[in-house]
Amino acid sequence: LTRLEVTETFAGIALPGHLHTKESLQFATTFPFRDTDVVIVTYPKSGERSERWGQSLETPSLPQR
């Protein structure tokens, strides 16, 4: 089977195997986020306009250190 044909089940939710592995999902649950971290999330392949919109948010809105 290719990863496109595989699903990974995590916390009772079936996720596409071509985007996730058991290892990546485990890593996500134990990642040490800090209180000052900013996480920007969009759906995969949500469109060219959405991607540009997300990229335009990233740099200008974050405080400079």
Protein backbone atom coordinates (compact mmCIF):
# COMPACT_ATOMS: atom_id res chain seq x y z
CA LEU A 1 0.00 0.00 0.00
CA THR A 2 1.12 3.55 -0.64
CA ARG A 3 0.78 6.19 2.07
CA LEU A 4 -2.17 7.63 0.09
CA GLU A 5 -4.08 4.42 0.79
CA VAL A 6 -3.24 4.27 4.51
CA THR A 7 -4.97 5.96 7.42
CA GLU A 8 -3.52 6.51 10.86
CA THR A 9 -5.95 6.36 13.77
CA PHE A 10 -5.17 8.75 16.59
CA ALA A 11 -7.42 9.35 19.60
CA GLY A 12 -10.20 7.55 17.73
CA ILE A 13 -9.91 9.80 14.68
CA ALA A 14 -8.84 8.43 11.28
CA LEU A 15 -6.28 10.71 9.65
CA PRO A 16 -4.77 10.53 6.14
CA GLY A 17 -1.59 8.46 6.17
CA HIS A 18 0.10 10.58 3.51
CA LEU A 19 0.06 13.52 5.94
CA HIS A 20 0.70 11.73 9.24
CA THR A 21 2.64 8.82 10.67
CA LYS A 22 2.33 7.30 14.12
CA GLU A 23 5.66 8.95 14.93
CA SER A 24 4.60 12.42 13.76
CA LEU A 25 1.37 12.24 15.75
CA GLN A 26 3.22 11.10 18.88
CA PHE A 27 5.74 13.92 18.41
CA ALA A 28 2.90 16.45 18.13
CA THR A 29 1.43 15.34 21.47
CA THR A 30 4.74 15.71 23.30
CA PHE A 31 6.06 18.86 21.60
CA PRO A 32 7.15 21.36 24.27
CA PHE A 33 5.17 24.50 23.40
CA ARG A 34 6.03 27.70 25.25
CA ASP A 35 3.48 30.25 26.44
CA THR A 36 4.82 32.76 23.90
CA ASP A 37 4.57 30.42 20.86
CA VAL A 38 2.19 31.31 18.05
CA VAL A 39 0.73 28.46 16.00
CA ILE A 40 -0.82 29.20 12.60
CA VAL A 41 -2.86 26.32 11.19
CA THR A 42 -4.69 25.94 7.88
CA TYR A 43 -6.18 23.00 6.07
CA PRO A 44 -3.83 21.31 3.59
CA LYS A 45 -4.33 22.50 0.02
CA SER A 46 -6.90 25.06 1.10
CA GLY A 47 -6.19 27.08 -2.01
CA GLU A 48 -3.67 29.47 -3.43
CA ARG A 49 -5.40 32.53 -1.99
CA SER A 50 -5.54 31.01 1.48
CA GLU A 51 -1.84 30.21 1.33
CA ARG A 52 -0.91 33.77 0.42
CA TRP A 53 -3.25 35.06 3.12
CA GLY A 54 -1.59 32.82 5.71
CA GLN A 55 1.90 33.82 4.63
CA SER A 56 1.02 37.50 4.82
CA LEU A 57 -0.06 37.01 8.45
CA GLU A 58 3.11 35.30 9.60
CA THR A 59 5.88 37.88 9.56
CA PRO A 60 4.35 41.36 9.94
CA SER A 61 2.10 40.50 12.87
CA LEU A 62 4.79 38.89 15.03
CA PRO A 63 6.62 41.15 17.48
CA GLN A 64 10.29 41.66 16.71
CA ARG A 65 12.78 40.56 19.37
